[in-house]
């Protein structure tokens, strides 16, 4: 049993998954985020190819104008700063939209996998990460080995895709030596964008497998032992021993409150030994006789002792006592089917006490 209890054979509970999420432990594929970001970026470049190339052509024309030699002669610190500023202001409107698309794509893919998540605890320094012993354990762990295998497979697949693309277009590339520089550059860029899209598609397919692996690994890492499940159930529902003590205390407090109401009773109906029910009837207040206390066995004896202390009448009627105990709760009126029986008992008590009153 002790060996079985240490094995993580149970699925993670919703509570454990929630606690793990609060610590930033969620299943996601970084490969999927990078693959989709790459695919979306190159797709945007391919779609906006004409505009991008026109902007780049204008930039290159400006920078490689006929007065470039004069600019080289007149180089000073001020002209360098001015030149870099000019380049930045020219390139930024061309590059920033592409960078923005890549950034938004990466954020959207991450959020789509994990949902909105912000964990402050991840910002706290963790000195275990710079512990050399822990570092060696991470280097030679099964997770590191799995990531190494994934990287090798990825490199092999991408290498094959790039090789096939280049080999299929090798003749076309060789002809660029006889083409105008501008046209050659445009064709090279178009080929790069097409290759980028192909690589992105391959990486997305690879990432789809990685998503399943990350989900399996996440579920495996969060598995619980049978003992952990029991401990969690205790935390959620309360320890049975503690709950039992709480119930005992509640019953004791309820019993104390009930015993304080016995002096209000007009009569105690008993079994005579096993049940005792205290009834009260106040004209113009109670619509019907009301149960102010009831008890069984030991509590029944205490009710009768308290009744004798306050000179409250005790009447033995076994069927009525049982019926009252079974059908009435404390501070409830008696059911209509017991009206006549209780009326007879109260009339008897009032006559005996010399204090008869109409019901």
Protein backbone atom coordinates (compact mmCIF):
# COMPACT_ATOMS: atom_id res chain seq x y z
CA UNK A 1 0.00 0.00 0.00
CA UNK A 2 2.79 2.43 0.83
CA UNK A 3 4.30 2.00 -2.62
CA UNK A 4 0.95 2.47 -4.36
CA UNK A 5 0.24 5.65 -2.40
CA UNK A 6 3.46 7.21 -3.74
CA UNK A 7 2.60 6.61 -7.38
CA UNK A 8 0.93 9.45 -9.26
CA UNK A 9 -1.89 7.50 -10.86
CA UNK A 10 -4.79 9.93 -10.45
CA UNK A 11 -5.73 12.72 -12.84
CA UNK A 12 -5.22 16.25 -11.61
CA UNK A 13 -8.25 17.70 -9.88
CA UNK A 14 -9.78 21.03 -10.97
CA UNK A 15 -8.38 22.60 -7.79
CA UNK A 16 -4.83 21.48 -8.54
CA UNK A 17 -5.12 22.76 -12.11
CA UNK A 18 -6.42 26.08 -10.80
CA UNK A 19 -3.54 26.32 -8.29
CA UNK A 20 -1.04 25.47 -11.03
CA UNK A 21 -2.52 28.13 -13.29
CA UNK A 22 -2.22 30.72 -10.53
CA UNK A 23 1.50 29.85 -10.41
CA UNK A 24 1.79 30.28 -14.17
CA UNK A 25 1.95 26.55 -14.91
CA UNK A 26 -0.13 26.04 -18.06
CA UNK A 27 0.25 23.87 -21.11
CA UNK A 28 1.24 25.72 -24.24
CA UNK A 29 3.48 25.16 -27.24
CA UNK A 30 6.15 27.76 -27.88
CA UNK A 31 6.70 26.11 -31.25
CA UNK A 32 3.12 26.91 -32.23
CA UNK A 33 3.52 30.58 -31.32
CA UNK A 34 6.78 30.96 -33.27
CA UNK A 35 5.47 28.97 -36.26
CA UNK A 36 2.25 30.93 -36.63
CA UNK A 37 4.07 34.23 -36.09
CA UNK A 38 6.55 33.34 -38.84
CA UNK A 39 3.80 32.17 -41.19
CA UNK A 40 1.64 35.26 -40.62
CA UNK A 41 4.60 37.64 -41.02
CA UNK A 42 5.75 36.16 -44.33
CA UNK A 43 2.15 35.92 -45.54
CA UNK A 44 1.67 39.64 -44.86
CA UNK A 45 4.93 40.38 -46.71
CA UNK A 46 3.79 38.24 -49.62
CA UNK A 47 0.39 39.94 -49.78
CA UNK A 48 1.88 43.41 -49.46
CA UNK A 49 4.84 42.54 -51.68
CA UNK A 50 4.38 45.35 -54.20
CA UNK A 51 4.06 48.08 -51.60
CA UNK A 52 6.98 46.74 -49.58
CA UNK A 53 9.25 46.44 -52.60
CA UNK A 54 8.33 49.92 -53.89
CA UNK A 55 9.18 51.37 -50.49
CA UNK A 56 12.49 49.49 -50.37
CA UNK A 57 13.30 50.54 -53.94
CA UNK A 58 12.69 54.17 -53.03
CA UNK A 59 14.87 53.83 -49.96
CA UNK A 60 17.74 52.20 -51.89
CA UNK A 61 17.49 54.81 -54.66
CA UNK A 62 17.75 57.61 -52.14
CA UNK A 63 20.67 56.10 -50.29
CA UNK A 64 22.63 55.09 -53.42
CA UNK A 65 22.11 58.38 -55.27
CA UNK A 66 24.80 60.00 -57.35
CA UNK A 67 26.00 62.26 -54.55
CA UNK A 68 26.96 59.32 -52.33
CA UNK A 69 30.62 59.91 -53.09
CA UNK A 70 30.35 63.53 -51.97
CA UNK A 71 28.62 62.42 -48.80
CA UNK A 72 31.52 60.05 -48.10
CA UNK A 73 33.99 62.90 -48.47
CA UNK A 74 32.07 65.25 -46.20
CA UNK A 75 31.67 62.73 -43.36
CA UNK A 76 31.55 64.34 -39.92
CA UNK A 77 29.99 63.42 -36.64
CA UNK A 78 27.05 65.65 -37.42
CA UNK A 79 26.49 64.20 -40.91
CA UNK A 80 26.63 60.65 -39.54
CA UNK A 81 23.96 61.42 -36.97
CA UNK A 82 21.90 63.18 -39.59
CA UNK A 83 22.31 60.24 -42.00
CA UNK A 84 21.25 57.66 -39.40
CA UNK A 85 18.27 59.80 -38.47
CA UNK A 86 17.23 60.02 -42.11
CA UNK A 87 17.59 56.24 -42.53
CA UNK A 88 15.57 55.60 -39.37
CA UNK A 89 12.76 57.92 -40.42
CA UNK A 90 12.67 56.30 -43.88
CA UNK A 91 12.89 52.65 -42.80
CA UNK A 92 10.66 52.84 -39.70
CA UNK A 93 7.35 53.33 -41.61
CA UNK A 94 8.31 50.35 -43.81
CA UNK A 95 9.45 47.94 -41.08
CA UNK A 96 7.29 48.90 -38.08
CA UNK A 97 3.98 47.62 -39.54
CA UNK A 98 5.62 44.25 -40.20
CA UNK A 99 7.07 44.16 -36.68
CA UNK A 100 3.68 45.14 -35.26
CA UNK A 101 1.98 42.31 -37.15
CA UNK A 102 4.55 39.82 -35.82
CA UNK A 103 4.15 41.10 -32.26
CA UNK A 104 0.35 41.01 -32.34
CA UNK A 105 0.38 37.55 -33.91
CA UNK A 106 2.67 36.21 -31.17
CA UNK A 107 0.52 37.69 -28.39
CA UNK A 108 -2.75 36.44 -29.92
CA UNK A 109 -1.42 32.89 -30.34
CA UNK A 110 -0.12 32.81 -26.76
CA UNK A 111 -3.37 34.15 -25.31
CA UNK A 112 -5.39 31.75 -27.46
CA UNK A 113 -3.50 28.83 -25.88
CA UNK A 114 -3.54 29.89 -22.23
CA UNK A 115 -6.25 32.53 -21.93
CA UNK A 116 -5.58 35.85 -20.18
CA UNK A 117 -2.91 35.14 -17.59
CA UNK A 118 -0.74 37.45 -15.51
CA UNK A 119 1.33 35.90 -12.71
CA UNK A 120 3.19 38.26 -10.41
CA UNK A 121 5.05 35.35 -8.80
CA UNK A 122 6.99 34.78 -12.03
CA UNK A 123 8.60 38.19 -11.55
CA UNK A 124 10.12 37.19 -8.20
CA UNK A 125 13.78 36.11 -8.30
CA UNK A 126 14.26 32.36 -8.03
CA UNK A 127 17.77 31.51 -6.87
CA UNK A 128 17.20 27.83 -7.60
CA UNK A 129 17.55 28.71 -11.27
CA UNK A 130 21.22 29.68 -10.73
CA UNK A 131 21.90 26.69 -8.49
CA UNK A 132 24.55 24.62 -10.37
CA UNK A 133 23.21 21.32 -9.00
CA UNK A 134 19.69 22.10 -10.13
CA UNK A 135 21.14 23.32 -13.43
CA UNK A 136 22.86 19.97 -14.08
CA UNK A 137 19.64 18.16 -13.20
CA UNK A 138 17.75 20.24 -15.76
CA UNK A 139 20.44 19.68 -18.41
CA UNK A 140 20.30 15.90 -18.07
CA UNK A 141 16.56 15.62 -17.44
CA UNK A 142 14.06 13.79 -19.65
CA UNK A 143 12.48 17.14 -20.59
CA UNK A 144 15.78 18.43 -21.93
CA UNK A 145 16.31 15.20 -23.86
CA UNK A 146 12.82 15.50 -25.38
CA UNK A 147 13.49 19.11 -26.41
CA UNK A 148 16.82 18.05 -27.96
CA UNK A 149 15.12 15.35 -30.00
CA UNK A 150 12.44 17.84 -31.12
CA UNK A 151 15.10 20.35 -32.18
CA UNK A 152 17.03 17.74 -34.17
CA UNK A 153 13.88 16.57 -35.94
CA UNK A 154 12.91 20.17 -36.65
CA UNK A 155 16.33 21.00 -38.11
CA UNK A 156 16.31 17.90 -40.30
CA UNK A 157 12.82 18.65 -41.65
CA UNK A 158 13.55 22.34 -42.26
CA UNK A 159 16.89 21.49 -43.88
CA UNK A 160 15.16 19.12 -46.27
CA UNK A 161 12.44 21.71 -47.14
CA UNK A 162 15.04 24.44 -47.81
CA UNK A 163 17.22 22.06 -49.84
CA UNK A 164 14.27 21.01 -52.01
CA UNK A 165 13.23 24.62 -52.62
CA UNK A 166 16.74 25.78 -53.51
CA UNK A 167 17.41 22.77 -55.74
CA UNK A 168 14.12 23.30 -57.58
CA UNK A 169 14.90 26.98 -58.16
CA UNK A 170 18.65 26.73 -58.68
CA UNK A 171 18.43 27.28 -62.43
CA UNK A 172 16.21 30.33 -61.96
CA UNK A 173 18.65 31.79 -59.42
CA UNK A 174 21.60 31.28 -61.75
CA UNK A 175 19.85 33.34 -64.42
CA UNK A 176 19.75 36.34 -62.07
CA UNK A 177 23.38 37.07 -62.97
CA UNK A 178 22.17 38.32 -66.35
CA UNK A 179 19.23 40.37 -65.01
CA UNK A 180 19.05 43.96 -63.86
CA UNK A 181 20.05 44.36 -60.19
CA UNK A 182 16.65 45.75 -59.20
CA UNK A 183 14.76 42.92 -60.85
CA UNK A 184 17.16 40.36 -59.41
CA UNK A 185 16.68 41.77 -55.93
CA UNK A 186 12.88 41.69 -56.36
CA UNK A 187 12.91 38.07 -57.49
CA UNK A 188 15.20 37.05 -54.63
CA UNK A 189 12.93 38.76 -52.11
CA UNK A 190 9.85 37.11 -53.64
CA UNK A 191 11.57 33.74 -53.42
CA UNK A 192 12.51 34.38 -49.78
CA UNK A 193 8.92 35.23 -48.92
CA UNK A 194 7.65 32.07 -50.63
CA UNK A 195 10.26 29.97 -48.83
CA UNK A 196 9.32 31.64 -45.54
CA UNK A 197 5.67 30.67 -46.06
CA UNK A 198 6.65 27.07 -46.81
CA UNK A 199 8.83 26.91 -43.71
CA UNK A 200 6.00 28.43 -41.66
CA UNK A 201 3.54 25.79 -42.89
CA UNK A 202 5.97 23.00 -42.04
CA UNK A 203 6.57 24.48 -38.58
CA UNK A 204 2.81 24.80 -37.98
CA UNK A 205 2.39 21.10 -38.78
CA UNK A 206 5.26 20.26 -36.43
CA UNK A 207 3.80 22.56 -33.76
CA UNK A 208 0.42 20.78 -33.96
CA UNK A 209 2.17 17.60 -32.81
CA UNK A 210 3.99 19.59 -30.12
CA UNK A 211 0.65 20.94 -28.81
CA UNK A 212 -0.52 17.37 -28.18
CA UNK A 213 2.82 16.53 -26.54
CA UNK A 214 2.69 19.59 -24.27
CA UNK A 215 -0.87 18.74 -23.23
CA UNK A 216 0.13 15.13 -22.43
CA UNK A 217 3.19 16.31 -20.50
CA UNK A 218 1.14 18.88 -18.55
CA UNK A 219 -1.44 16.27 -17.54
CA UNK A 220 1.32 13.81 -16.60
CA UNK A 221 3.24 16.34 -14.47
CA UNK A 222 0.10 17.34 -12.56
CA UNK A 223 -1.00 13.81 -11.73
CA UNK A 224 -1.71 13.14 -8.07
CA UNK A 225 -1.22 10.25 -5.68
CA UNK A 226 -4.22 8.70 -3.98
CA UNK A 227 -3.07 10.27 -0.71
CA UNK A 228 -2.94 13.74 -2.30
CA UNK A 229 -6.50 13.26 -3.55
CA UNK A 230 -7.64 12.33 -0.03
CA UNK A 231 -5.86 15.32 1.51
CA UNK A 232 -7.42 17.66 -1.04
CA UNK A 233 -10.88 16.25 -0.36
CA UNK A 234 -10.31 16.93 3.33
CA UNK A 235 -9.36 20.52 2.58
CA UNK A 236 -12.39 21.06 0.33
CA UNK A 237 -14.99 19.26 2.44
CA UNK A 238 -13.34 19.51 5.82
CA UNK A 239 -11.68 16.85 7.95
CA UNK A 240 -14.34 14.31 9.07
CA UNK A 241 -13.04 14.45 12.64
CA UNK A 242 -13.22 18.24 12.68
CA UNK A 243 -16.69 18.21 11.12
CA UNK A 244 -17.84 15.67 13.72
CA UNK A 245 -16.58 17.87 16.55
CA UNK A 246 -18.25 20.90 15.01
CA UNK A 247 -21.55 19.02 14.76
CA UNK A 248 -21.22 17.90 18.36
CA UNK A 249 -20.62 21.47 19.47
CA UNK A 250 -23.57 22.68 17.39
CA UNK A 251 -25.84 20.04 18.91
CA UNK A 252 -24.64 20.97 22.38
CA UNK A 253 -25.29 24.66 21.80
CA UNK A 254 -28.69 23.88 20.27
CA UNK A 255 -29.50 21.70 23.26
CA UNK A 256 -28.55 24.50 25.65
CA UNK A 257 -30.80 26.98 23.84
CA UNK A 258 -33.60 24.42 23.81
CA UNK A 259 -33.30 23.74 27.54
CA UNK A 260 -33.60 27.46 28.25
CA UNK A 261 -37.04 27.46 26.57
CA UNK A 262 -38.46 24.62 28.67
CA UNK A 263 -39.77 27.00 31.39
CA UNK A 264 -42.12 28.42 28.72
CA UNK A 265 -43.73 25.00 28.21
CA UNK A 266 -47.21 24.10 29.47
CA UNK A 267 -46.75 20.35 29.34
CA UNK A 268 -44.18 17.62 28.65
CA UNK A 269 -45.49 14.66 26.66
CA UNK A 270 -43.38 11.52 27.28
CA UNK A 271 -43.00 7.94 26.05
CA UNK A 272 -42.25 7.74 29.13
CA UNK A 273 -38.54 6.77 29.02
CA UNK A 274 -37.35 7.23 25.44
CA UNK A 275 -39.06 10.40 24.18
CA UNK A 276 -40.02 13.73 25.69
CA UNK A 277 -41.62 16.69 23.89
CA UNK A 278 -42.24 20.07 25.54
CA UNK A 279 -45.31 21.98 24.27
CA UNK A 280 -46.31 25.59 24.71
CA UNK A 281 -49.62 27.24 23.91
CA UNK A 282 -50.22 30.92 24.50
CA UNK A 283 -53.56 32.33 23.53
CA UNK A 284 -53.53 35.29 21.11
CA UNK A 285 -49.85 34.48 20.33
CA UNK A 286 -49.72 30.88 19.12
CA UNK A 287 -52.15 29.74 16.44
CA UNK A 288 -51.59 26.17 17.62
CA UNK A 289 -49.51 24.44 20.29
CA UNK A 290 -45.80 24.80 19.54
CA UNK A 291 -42.87 22.46 20.26
CA UNK A 292 -40.25 24.30 22.34
CA UNK A 293 -38.04 21.30 23.10
CA UNK A 294 -37.76 17.61 22.32
CA UNK A 295 -35.29 14.87 23.08
CA UNK A 296 -34.61 11.15 23.08
CA UNK A 297 -33.17 8.92 25.80
CA UNK A 298 -30.65 10.96 27.84
CA UNK A 299 -31.93 14.31 26.54
CA UNK A 300 -35.48 13.22 27.27
CA UNK A 301 -34.53 12.58 30.90
CA UNK A 302 -32.93 16.03 31.14
CA UNK A 303 -36.09 17.66 29.73
CA UNK A 304 -38.18 15.92 32.38
CA UNK A 305 -35.76 16.90 35.16
CA UNK A 306 -35.92 20.54 34.07
CA UNK A 307 -39.73 20.31 33.89
CA UNK A 308 -39.91 19.04 37.49
CA UNK A 309 -37.65 21.87 38.56
CA UNK A 310 -40.14 24.41 37.18
CA UNK A 311 -43.25 22.42 38.18
CA UNK A 312 -44.30 21.79 34.58
CA UNK A 313 -46.84 18.99 34.08
CA UNK A 314 -45.52 15.72 32.62
CA UNK A 315 -48.06 13.57 30.79
CA UNK A 316 -47.34 10.05 29.59
CA UNK A 317 -48.82 9.28 26.17
CA UNK A 318 -46.67 6.96 24.11
CA UNK A 319 -48.27 7.27 20.62
CA UNK A 320 -48.64 11.04 20.86
CA UNK A 321 -45.08 11.46 22.14
CA UNK A 322 -43.71 9.36 19.28
CA UNK A 323 -45.85 11.20 16.72
CA UNK A 324 -44.76 14.61 18.01
CA UNK A 325 -41.08 13.64 18.04
CA UNK A 326 -41.23 12.27 14.50
CA UNK A 327 -43.30 15.00 12.82
CA UNK A 328 -42.30 18.23 14.57
CA UNK A 329 -39.10 20.20 14.76
CA UNK A 330 -38.25 22.64 17.53
CA UNK A 331 -40.20 25.90 17.39
CA UNK A 332 -42.72 24.40 14.94
CA UNK A 333 -46.47 24.15 15.43
CA UNK A 334 -47.97 20.71 15.77
CA UNK A 335 -49.66 19.24 12.66
CA UNK A 336 -53.48 19.49 12.39
CA UNK A 337 -53.93 15.72 12.83
CA UNK A 338 -52.61 16.03 16.40
CA UNK A 339 -54.81 19.00 17.40
CA UNK A 340 -57.47 16.90 19.15
CA UNK A 341 -54.98 14.70 21.01
CA UNK A 342 -52.98 17.68 22.26
CA UNK A 343 -56.16 19.62 23.11
CA UNK A 344 -57.28 16.73 25.36
CA UNK A 345 -53.85 16.70 27.06
CA UNK A 346 -53.85 20.46 27.65
CA UNK A 347 -57.43 20.40 28.99
CA UNK A 348 -56.38 17.68 31.40
CA UNK A 349 -53.35 19.69 32.51
CA UNK A 350 -55.36 22.89 33.01
CA UNK A 351 -58.06 21.05 34.96
CA UNK A 352 -55.42 19.35 37.10
CA UNK A 353 -53.73 22.65 37.78
CA UNK A 354 -57.06 24.35 38.49
CA UNK A 355 -56.49 26.76 35.63
CA UNK A 356 -58.86 25.68 32.86
CA UNK A 357 -59.08 27.89 29.78
CA UNK A 358 -60.69 27.51 26.42
CA UNK A 359 -58.68 26.35 23.44
